[in-house]
Amino acid sequence: MKKSILNLSATLIAGLFASAAFAQTPAAPAEAKAQAAHTKEVVKAEAKETKAVAKADAKEAAAVADAKADVASAKADAKVAKTKAHHKAAKAKVKANEKAVDASATAPAK
């Protein structure tokens, strides 16, 4: 009996040592930590770049929209100026015709 208890306790102790040896996992090496930090920085930089590109595209689109609005405004202004010029010309023609009619009416008939 004594021998079986001794064998049993020896087996249990050996099992404890074995499980203790396998249960311990080595600490993450510094290289893996450095790699993780590097990956994190790369992802951050890419996100920053993407954000900057999107911001620049938005600025460009706004500038194009402003330019189109300026062009549209200039076209509208030109159209108004043309309309005014045509109106003035029409008034001048009417005045000239009126003067001609007045002149012909007041001129003595030959």
C-alpha atoms as a PDB file:
ATOM      1  CA  MET A   1       0.000   0.000   0.000  1.00  0.00           C
ATOM      2  CA  LYS A   2       2.801   2.297   0.890  1.00  0.00           C
ATOM      3  CA  LYS A   3       4.371   1.712  -2.491  1.00  0.00           C
ATOM      4  CA  SER A   4       1.147   2.517  -4.364  1.00  0.00           C
ATOM      5  CA  ILE A   5       0.690   5.760  -2.433  1.00  0.00           C
ATOM      6  CA  LEU A   6       4.276   6.641  -3.185  1.00  0.00           C
ATOM      7  CA  ASN A   7       3.779   5.865  -6.908  1.00  0.00           C
ATOM      8  CA  LEU A   8       0.524   7.806  -6.930  1.00  0.00           C
ATOM      9  CA  SER A   9       2.054  10.854  -5.287  1.00  0.00           C
ATOM     10  CA  ALA A  10       5.099  10.661  -7.576  1.00  0.00           C
ATOM     11  CA  THR A  11       2.807  10.545 -10.601  1.00  0.00           C
ATOM     12  CA  LEU A  12       0.772  13.489  -9.330  1.00  0.00           C
ATOM     13  CA  ILE A  13       3.894  15.526  -8.609  1.00  0.00           C
ATOM     14  CA  ALA A  14       5.335  14.691 -12.043  1.00  0.00           C
ATOM     15  CA  GLY A  15       2.024  15.654 -13.609  1.00  0.00           C
ATOM     16  CA  LEU A  16       2.019  18.973 -11.760  1.00  0.00           C
ATOM     17  CA  PHE A  17       5.519  19.765 -12.966  1.00  0.00           C
ATOM     18  CA  ALA A  18       4.655  18.765 -16.511  1.00  0.00           C
ATOM     19  CA  SER A  19       1.451  20.776 -16.592  1.00  0.00           C
ATOM     20  CA  ALA A  20       3.246  23.750 -15.048  1.00  0.00           C
ATOM     21  CA  ALA A  21       5.893  23.581 -17.752  1.00  0.00           C
ATOM     22  CA  PHE A  22       3.368  23.356 -20.589  1.00  0.00           C
ATOM     23  CA  ALA A  23       0.908  25.815 -19.079  1.00  0.00           C
ATOM     24  CA  GLN A  24       3.391  28.629 -19.168  1.00  0.00           C
ATOM     25  CA  THR A  25       3.404  30.395 -22.478  1.00  0.00           C
ATOM     26  CA  PRO A  26       6.373  32.480 -23.384  1.00  0.00           C
ATOM     27  CA  ALA A  27       5.847  36.212 -23.163  1.00  0.00           C
ATOM     28  CA  ALA A  28       5.248  37.927 -26.498  1.00  0.00           C
ATOM     29  CA  PRO A  29       8.623  38.807 -27.898  1.00  0.00           C
ATOM     30  CA  ALA A  30       9.548  42.441 -28.304  1.00  0.00           C
ATOM     31  CA  GLU A  31       9.719  41.930 -32.072  1.00  0.00           C
ATOM     32  CA  ALA A  32       6.020  40.997 -32.216  1.00  0.00           C
ATOM     33  CA  LYS A  33       5.136  44.057 -30.155  1.00  0.00           C
ATOM     34  CA  ALA A  34       7.224  46.270 -32.405  1.00  0.00           C
ATOM     35  CA  GLN A  35       5.558  44.747 -35.472  1.00  0.00           C
ATOM     36  CA  ALA A  36       2.114  45.411 -33.983  1.00  0.00           C
ATOM     37  CA  ALA A  37       3.056  49.014 -33.205  1.00  0.00           C
ATOM     38  CA  HIS A  38       4.406  49.450 -36.739  1.00  0.00           C
ATOM     39  CA  THR A  39       1.232  48.022 -38.253  1.00  0.00           C
ATOM     40  CA  LYS A  40      -0.860  50.342 -36.109  1.00  0.00           C
ATOM     41  CA  GLU A  41       1.166  53.371 -37.248  1.00  0.00           C
ATOM     42  CA  VAL A  42       0.862  52.319 -40.889  1.00  0.00           C
ATOM     43  CA  VAL A  43      -2.914  51.968 -40.588  1.00  0.00           C
ATOM     44  CA  LYS A  44      -3.103  55.381 -38.904  1.00  0.00           C
ATOM     45  CA  ALA A  45      -1.015  56.973 -41.648  1.00  0.00           C
ATOM     46  CA  GLU A  46      -3.154  55.400 -44.379  1.00  0.00           C
ATOM     47  CA  ALA A  47      -6.333  56.630 -42.692  1.00  0.00           C
ATOM     48  CA  LYS A  48      -4.858  60.113 -42.422  1.00  0.00           C
ATOM     49  CA  GLU A  49      -3.865  60.055 -46.089  1.00  0.00           C
ATOM     50  CA  THR A  50      -7.323  58.889 -47.152  1.00  0.00           C
ATOM     51  CA  LYS A  51      -8.908  61.664 -45.107  1.00  0.00           C
ATOM     52  CA  ALA A  52      -6.588  64.281 -46.620  1.00  0.00           C
ATOM     53  CA  VAL A  53      -7.300  63.049 -50.149  1.00  0.00           C
ATOM     54  CA  ALA A  54     -11.046  63.182 -49.538  1.00  0.00           C
ATOM     55  CA  LYS A  55     -10.712  66.689 -48.124  1.00  0.00           C
ATOM     56  CA  ALA A  56      -8.687  67.830 -51.144  1.00  0.00           C
ATOM     57  CA  ASP A  57     -11.252  66.299 -53.516  1.00  0.00           C
ATOM     58  CA  ALA A  58     -14.042  68.106 -51.681  1.00  0.00           C
ATOM     59  CA  LYS A  59     -12.128  71.392 -51.926  1.00  0.00           C
ATOM     60  CA  GLU A  60     -11.583  70.857 -55.642  1.00  0.00           C
ATOM     61  CA  ALA A  61     -15.256  70.043 -56.189  1.00  0.00           C
ATOM     62  CA  ALA A  62     -16.243  73.177 -54.291  1.00  0.00           C
ATOM     63  CA  ALA A  63     -13.848  75.254 -56.393  1.00  0.00           C
ATOM     64  CA  VAL A  64     -15.292  73.782 -59.586  1.00  0.00           C
ATOM     65  CA  ALA A  65     -18.813  74.484 -58.347  1.00  0.00           C
ATOM     66  CA  ASP A  66     -17.819  78.057 -57.511  1.00  0.00           C
ATOM     67  CA  ALA A  67     -16.230  78.452 -60.923  1.00  0.00           C
ATOM     68  CA  LYS A  68     -19.375  77.120 -62.587  1.00  0.00           C
ATOM     69  CA  ALA A  69     -21.466  79.502 -60.500  1.00  0.00           C
ATOM     70  CA  ASP A  70     -19.167  82.369 -61.520  1.00  0.00           C
ATOM     71  CA  VAL A  71     -19.480  81.395 -65.169  1.00  0.00           C
ATOM     72  CA  ALA A  72     -23.257  81.161 -64.858  1.00  0.00           C
ATOM     73  CA  SER A  73     -23.343  84.543 -63.139  1.00  0.00           C
ATOM     74  CA  ALA A  74     -21.162  86.074 -65.844  1.00  0.00           C
ATOM     75  CA  LYS A  75     -23.410  84.602 -68.540  1.00  0.00           C
ATOM     76  CA  ALA A  76     -26.480  86.008 -66.804  1.00  0.00           C
ATOM     77  CA  ASP A  77     -24.813  89.414 -66.490  1.00  0.00           C
ATOM     78  CA  ALA A  78     -23.878  89.329 -70.164  1.00  0.00           C
ATOM     79  CA  LYS A  79     -27.427  88.396 -71.082  1.00  0.00           C
ATOM     80  CA  VAL A  80     -28.780  91.334 -69.061  1.00  0.00           C
ATOM     81  CA  ALA A  81     -26.237  93.661 -70.655  1.00  0.00           C
ATOM     82  CA  LYS A  82     -27.196  92.429 -74.133  1.00  0.00           C
ATOM     83  CA  THR A  83     -30.884  92.887 -73.355  1.00  0.00           C
ATOM     84  CA  LYS A  84     -30.241  96.439 -72.131  1.00  0.00           C
ATOM     85  CA  ALA A  85     -28.182  97.202 -75.229  1.00  0.00           C
ATOM     86  CA  HIS A  86     -30.927  95.880 -77.508  1.00  0.00           C
ATOM     87  CA  HIS A  87     -33.519  97.876 -75.572  1.00  0.00           C
ATOM     88  CA  LYS A  88     -31.449 101.076 -75.833  1.00  0.00           C
ATOM     89  CA  ALA A  89     -30.883 100.463 -79.535  1.00  0.00           C
ATOM     90  CA  ALA A  90     -34.584  99.910 -80.090  1.00  0.00           C
ATOM     91  CA  LYS A  91     -35.364 103.146 -78.200  1.00  0.00           C
ATOM     92  CA  ALA A  92     -32.806 105.022 -80.265  1.00  0.00           C
ATOM     93  CA  LYS A  93     -34.308 103.637 -83.492  1.00  0.00           C
ATOM     94  CA  VAL A  94     -37.788 104.678 -82.390  1.00  0.00           C
ATOM     95  CA  LYS A  95     -36.521 108.156 -81.504  1.00  0.00           C
ATOM     96  CA  ALA A  96     -34.739 108.410 -84.826  1.00  0.00           C
ATOM     97  CA  ASN A  97     -37.869 107.325 -86.658  1.00  0.00           C
ATOM     98  CA  GLU A  98     -39.947 109.823 -84.693  1.00  0.00           C
ATOM     99  CA  LYS A  99     -37.493 112.596 -85.517  1.00  0.00           C
ATOM    100  CA  ALA A 100     -37.552 111.596 -89.156  1.00  0.00           C
ATOM    101  CA  VAL A 101     -41.328 111.582 -89.203  1.00  0.00           C
ATOM    102  CA  ASP A 102     -41.420 114.958 -87.418  1.00  0.00           C
ATOM    103  CA  ALA A 103     -38.841 116.344 -89.803  1.00  0.00           C
ATOM    104  CA  SER A 104     -40.717 115.100 -92.834  1.00  0.00           C
ATOM    105  CA  ALA A 105     -43.992 116.403 -91.467  1.00  0.00           C
ATOM    106  CA  THR A 106     -42.580 119.835 -90.738  1.00  0.00           C
ATOM    107  CA  ALA A 107     -40.599 120.047 -93.949  1.00  0.00           C
ATOM    108  CA  PRO A 108     -42.322 122.011 -96.708  1.00  0.00           C
ATOM    109  CA  ALA A 109     -43.641 119.918 -99.485  1.00  0.00           C
ATOM    110  CA  LYS A 110     -41.989 120.574-102.800  1.00  0.00           C
END
